[in-house]
N, C-alpha and C. Protein backbone atom coordinates (compact mmCIF):
# COMPACT_ATOMS: atom_id res chain seq x y z
N UNK A 1 -17.45 6.35 5.92
CA UNK A 1 -16.14 5.74 5.81
C UNK A 1 -16.22 4.31 6.36
N UNK A 2 -15.68 3.36 5.61
CA UNK A 2 -15.72 1.98 6.06
C UNK A 2 -14.75 1.76 7.21
N UNK A 3 -15.04 0.75 8.03
CA UNK A 3 -14.21 0.44 9.19
C UNK A 3 -12.82 -0.01 8.74
N UNK A 4 -11.80 0.53 9.40
CA UNK A 4 -10.42 0.18 9.07
C UNK A 4 -10.09 -1.20 9.61
N UNK A 5 -9.43 -2.01 8.78
CA UNK A 5 -9.00 -3.35 9.18
C UNK A 5 -7.47 -3.33 9.21
N UNK A 6 -6.85 -3.40 10.41
CA UNK A 6 -5.38 -3.34 10.50
C UNK A 6 -4.71 -4.41 9.63
N UNK A 7 -3.57 -4.05 9.06
CA UNK A 7 -2.84 -4.98 8.21
C UNK A 7 -1.89 -5.85 9.03
N UNK A 8 -1.40 -6.90 8.41
CA UNK A 8 -0.44 -7.82 9.01
C UNK A 8 0.81 -7.06 9.47
N UNK A 9 1.24 -7.31 10.69
CA UNK A 9 2.41 -6.61 11.26
C UNK A 9 3.67 -6.84 10.44
N UNK A 10 3.86 -8.06 9.94
CA UNK A 10 5.05 -8.34 9.13
C UNK A 10 5.03 -7.55 7.83
N UNK A 11 3.85 -7.33 7.27
CA UNK A 11 3.76 -6.54 6.04
C UNK A 11 4.04 -5.08 6.33
N UNK A 12 3.65 -4.62 7.51
CA UNK A 12 3.98 -3.24 7.91
C UNK A 12 5.49 -3.07 7.94
N UNK A 13 6.21 -4.10 8.40
CA UNK A 13 7.67 -4.05 8.40
C UNK A 13 8.21 -3.93 6.98
N UNK A 14 7.56 -4.60 6.02
CA UNK A 14 7.95 -4.48 4.60
C UNK A 14 7.79 -3.03 4.13
N UNK A 15 6.68 -2.41 4.53
CA UNK A 15 6.43 -1.02 4.15
C UNK A 15 7.49 -0.10 4.75
N UNK A 16 7.81 -0.31 6.02
CA UNK A 16 8.84 0.51 6.68
C UNK A 16 10.19 0.35 5.99
N UNK A 17 10.55 -0.88 5.64
CA UNK A 17 11.83 -1.13 4.96
C UNK A 17 11.87 -0.41 3.62
N UNK A 18 10.77 -0.45 2.87
CA UNK A 18 10.72 0.24 1.59
C UNK A 18 10.77 1.76 1.76
N UNK A 19 10.15 2.27 2.82
CA UNK A 19 10.20 3.71 3.09
C UNK A 19 11.63 4.14 3.39
N UNK A 20 12.36 3.31 4.11
CA UNK A 20 13.74 3.61 4.46
C UNK A 20 14.65 3.64 3.23
N UNK A 21 14.39 2.76 2.27
CA UNK A 21 15.22 2.67 1.05
C UNK A 21 15.04 3.87 0.13
N UNK A 22 13.90 4.56 0.24
CA UNK A 22 13.63 5.74 -0.58
C UNK A 22 13.86 5.50 -2.07
N UNK A 23 13.29 4.40 -2.56
CA UNK A 23 13.40 4.11 -3.99
C UNK A 23 12.01 3.88 -4.56
N UNK A 24 11.90 4.06 -5.86
CA UNK A 24 10.62 3.86 -6.51
C UNK A 24 10.23 2.37 -6.47
N UNK A 25 9.00 2.12 -6.11
CA UNK A 25 8.45 0.77 -6.07
C UNK A 25 7.07 0.79 -6.72
N UNK A 26 6.62 -0.36 -7.17
CA UNK A 26 5.28 -0.49 -7.74
C UNK A 26 4.30 -0.87 -6.64
N UNK A 27 3.18 -0.15 -6.59
CA UNK A 27 2.16 -0.36 -5.58
C UNK A 27 0.83 -0.61 -6.28
N UNK A 28 0.17 -1.72 -5.93
CA UNK A 28 -1.18 -2.02 -6.41
C UNK A 28 -2.12 -1.84 -5.23
N UNK A 29 -3.24 -1.15 -5.46
CA UNK A 29 -4.19 -0.92 -4.38
C UNK A 29 -5.57 -0.58 -4.94
N UNK A 30 -6.56 -0.55 -4.04
CA UNK A 30 -7.91 -0.14 -4.41
C UNK A 30 -8.14 1.29 -3.91
N UNK A 31 -8.74 2.10 -4.77
CA UNK A 31 -9.09 3.46 -4.36
C UNK A 31 -10.30 3.40 -3.43
N UNK A 32 -10.71 4.56 -2.93
CA UNK A 32 -11.87 4.60 -2.04
C UNK A 32 -13.18 4.25 -2.76
N UNK A 33 -13.16 4.22 -4.11
CA UNK A 33 -14.34 3.79 -4.86
C UNK A 33 -14.10 2.44 -5.54
N UNK A 34 -13.16 1.68 -4.98
CA UNK A 34 -12.86 0.30 -5.39
C UNK A 34 -12.27 0.16 -6.80
N UNK A 35 -11.58 1.20 -7.28
CA UNK A 35 -10.84 1.09 -8.54
C UNK A 35 -9.52 0.40 -8.26
N UNK A 36 -9.12 -0.52 -9.13
CA UNK A 36 -7.80 -1.15 -9.02
C UNK A 36 -6.80 -0.18 -9.64
N UNK A 37 -5.83 0.27 -8.84
CA UNK A 37 -4.85 1.25 -9.30
C UNK A 37 -3.44 0.73 -9.11
N UNK A 38 -2.56 1.21 -9.98
CA UNK A 38 -1.13 0.91 -9.89
C UNK A 38 -0.38 2.22 -9.96
N UNK A 39 0.61 2.36 -9.09
CA UNK A 39 1.43 3.57 -9.09
C UNK A 39 2.87 3.18 -8.80
N UNK A 40 3.80 3.85 -9.43
CA UNK A 40 5.22 3.72 -9.12
C UNK A 40 5.59 4.98 -8.34
N UNK A 41 6.03 4.79 -7.10
CA UNK A 41 6.29 5.94 -6.24
C UNK A 41 7.25 5.54 -5.12
N UNK A 42 7.64 6.54 -4.35
CA UNK A 42 8.48 6.37 -3.17
C UNK A 42 7.59 6.55 -1.94
N UNK A 43 7.68 5.63 -0.98
CA UNK A 43 6.95 5.80 0.27
C UNK A 43 7.66 6.87 1.07
N UNK A 44 6.97 7.96 1.30
CA UNK A 44 7.54 9.10 2.02
C UNK A 44 7.32 8.99 3.52
N UNK A 45 6.15 8.45 3.92
CA UNK A 45 5.83 8.39 5.34
C UNK A 45 4.73 7.36 5.58
N UNK A 46 4.72 6.80 6.77
CA UNK A 46 3.64 5.94 7.26
C UNK A 46 3.12 6.60 8.52
N UNK A 47 1.81 6.76 8.63
CA UNK A 47 1.26 7.48 9.78
C UNK A 47 -0.15 7.02 10.08
N UNK A 48 -0.64 7.43 11.25
CA UNK A 48 -1.99 7.11 11.69
C UNK A 48 -2.76 8.42 11.82
N UNK A 49 -3.98 8.42 11.24
CA UNK A 49 -4.86 9.58 11.36
C UNK A 49 -6.25 9.04 11.71
N UNK A 50 -6.79 9.50 12.85
CA UNK A 50 -8.12 9.07 13.31
C UNK A 50 -8.24 7.54 13.34
N UNK A 51 -7.21 6.88 13.89
CA UNK A 51 -7.15 5.42 14.09
C UNK A 51 -7.11 4.63 12.79
N UNK A 52 -6.69 5.27 11.70
CA UNK A 52 -6.54 4.61 10.40
C UNK A 52 -5.10 4.81 9.94
N UNK A 53 -4.46 3.71 9.49
CA UNK A 53 -3.07 3.78 9.02
C UNK A 53 -3.02 4.14 7.53
N UNK A 54 -2.10 5.03 7.19
CA UNK A 54 -1.93 5.49 5.82
C UNK A 54 -0.46 5.47 5.43
N UNK A 55 -0.23 5.47 4.12
CA UNK A 55 1.11 5.75 3.61
C UNK A 55 0.99 6.99 2.75
N UNK A 56 1.99 7.85 2.86
CA UNK A 56 2.09 9.04 2.03
C UNK A 56 3.18 8.79 1.01
N UNK A 57 2.87 9.04 -0.25
CA UNK A 57 3.83 8.84 -1.32
C UNK A 57 4.44 10.16 -1.76
N UNK A 58 5.56 10.08 -2.44
CA UNK A 58 6.22 11.29 -2.92
C UNK A 58 5.37 12.04 -3.94
N UNK A 59 4.37 11.38 -4.48
CA UNK A 59 3.45 11.99 -5.45
C UNK A 59 2.39 12.85 -4.75
N UNK A 60 2.30 12.72 -3.43
CA UNK A 60 1.27 13.42 -2.66
C UNK A 60 0.07 12.53 -2.38
N UNK A 61 0.01 11.36 -3.03
CA UNK A 61 -1.09 10.43 -2.80
C UNK A 61 -1.01 9.84 -1.40
N UNK A 62 -2.18 9.64 -0.79
CA UNK A 62 -2.30 8.96 0.49
C UNK A 62 -3.08 7.67 0.24
N UNK A 63 -2.58 6.56 0.77
CA UNK A 63 -3.26 5.27 0.58
C UNK A 63 -3.52 4.66 1.95
N UNK A 64 -4.79 4.29 2.18
CA UNK A 64 -5.11 3.55 3.40
C UNK A 64 -4.45 2.18 3.29
N UNK A 65 -3.78 1.76 4.34
CA UNK A 65 -3.02 0.51 4.28
C UNK A 65 -3.91 -0.70 4.07
N UNK A 66 -5.16 -0.67 4.52
CA UNK A 66 -6.03 -1.83 4.31
C UNK A 66 -6.60 -1.89 2.89
N UNK A 67 -6.20 -0.95 2.04
CA UNK A 67 -6.60 -0.99 0.63
C UNK A 67 -5.46 -1.48 -0.27
N UNK A 68 -4.32 -1.77 0.34
CA UNK A 68 -3.18 -2.27 -0.43
C UNK A 68 -3.44 -3.69 -0.92
N UNK A 69 -2.88 -4.00 -2.09
CA UNK A 69 -2.90 -5.35 -2.62
C UNK A 69 -1.48 -5.89 -2.63
N UNK A 70 -0.55 -5.12 -3.22
CA UNK A 70 0.85 -5.54 -3.21
C UNK A 70 1.76 -4.32 -3.27
N UNK A 71 2.95 -4.51 -2.73
CA UNK A 71 3.97 -3.47 -2.70
C UNK A 71 5.29 -4.11 -3.08
N UNK A 72 5.92 -3.59 -4.12
CA UNK A 72 7.22 -4.08 -4.57
C UNK A 72 7.22 -5.59 -4.79
N UNK A 73 6.12 -6.11 -5.35
CA UNK A 73 6.02 -7.52 -5.67
C UNK A 73 5.59 -8.42 -4.54
N UNK A 74 5.37 -7.86 -3.35
CA UNK A 74 4.95 -8.66 -2.19
C UNK A 74 3.47 -8.38 -1.92
N UNK A 75 2.67 -9.44 -1.91
CA UNK A 75 1.23 -9.32 -1.71
C UNK A 75 0.89 -9.23 -0.23
N UNK A 76 -0.04 -8.34 0.09
CA UNK A 76 -0.50 -8.17 1.46
C UNK A 76 -1.22 -9.44 1.91
N UNK A 77 -0.76 -10.08 3.01
CA UNK A 77 -1.44 -11.27 3.51
C UNK A 77 -2.89 -10.94 3.87
N UNK A 78 -3.79 -11.84 3.49
CA UNK A 78 -5.20 -11.64 3.79
C UNK A 78 -5.93 -10.75 2.81
N UNK A 79 -5.25 -10.30 1.78
CA UNK A 79 -5.89 -9.41 0.80
C UNK A 79 -6.81 -10.17 -0.14
N UNK A 80 -6.64 -11.49 -0.19
CA UNK A 80 -7.44 -12.29 -1.11
C UNK A 80 -6.81 -12.39 -2.48
N UNK A 81 -5.66 -11.76 -2.66
CA UNK A 81 -4.94 -11.82 -3.93
C UNK A 81 -3.58 -12.45 -3.66
N UNK A 82 -3.21 -13.40 -4.50
CA UNK A 82 -1.88 -13.98 -4.37
C UNK A 82 -1.28 -14.08 -5.76
N UNK A 83 -0.04 -13.74 -5.85
CA UNK A 83 0.65 -13.81 -7.14
C UNK A 83 0.04 -12.91 -8.19
N UNK A 84 -0.47 -11.77 -7.75
CA UNK A 84 -1.10 -10.85 -8.70
C UNK A 84 -0.05 -10.32 -9.67
N UNK A 85 -0.44 -10.21 -10.91
CA UNK A 85 0.46 -9.61 -11.89
C UNK A 85 -0.35 -8.73 -12.81
N UNK A 86 0.33 -7.84 -13.45
CA UNK A 86 -0.33 -6.90 -14.35
C UNK A 86 0.56 -6.68 -15.56
N UNK A 87 -0.01 -6.73 -16.72
CA UNK A 87 0.75 -6.50 -17.96
C UNK A 87 0.73 -5.03 -18.34
N UNK A 88 0.40 -4.19 -17.41
CA UNK A 88 0.28 -2.77 -17.72
C UNK A 88 1.48 -1.98 -17.21
N UNK A 89 2.56 -2.02 -17.92
CA UNK A 89 3.77 -1.30 -17.50
C UNK A 89 3.76 0.09 -18.01
């Protein structure tokens, strides 16, 4: 397992706000094998397991926070991606 890199604190606040709203949002992220994935889901929970932060979605998917690219149109600072868009609706 690769070393976890904590995400920007302000972006964590964005995740918490979206979890509180309980609405479907678009999430872009990399899988554990570096696949670029997009999912529309509700953030059900944010938690720490073995010193790694995760989000749990209503779909049952778990995403490591340091694999996020963007959430609800907001790009994770330091991800190396800015203004990412996808024509795959």
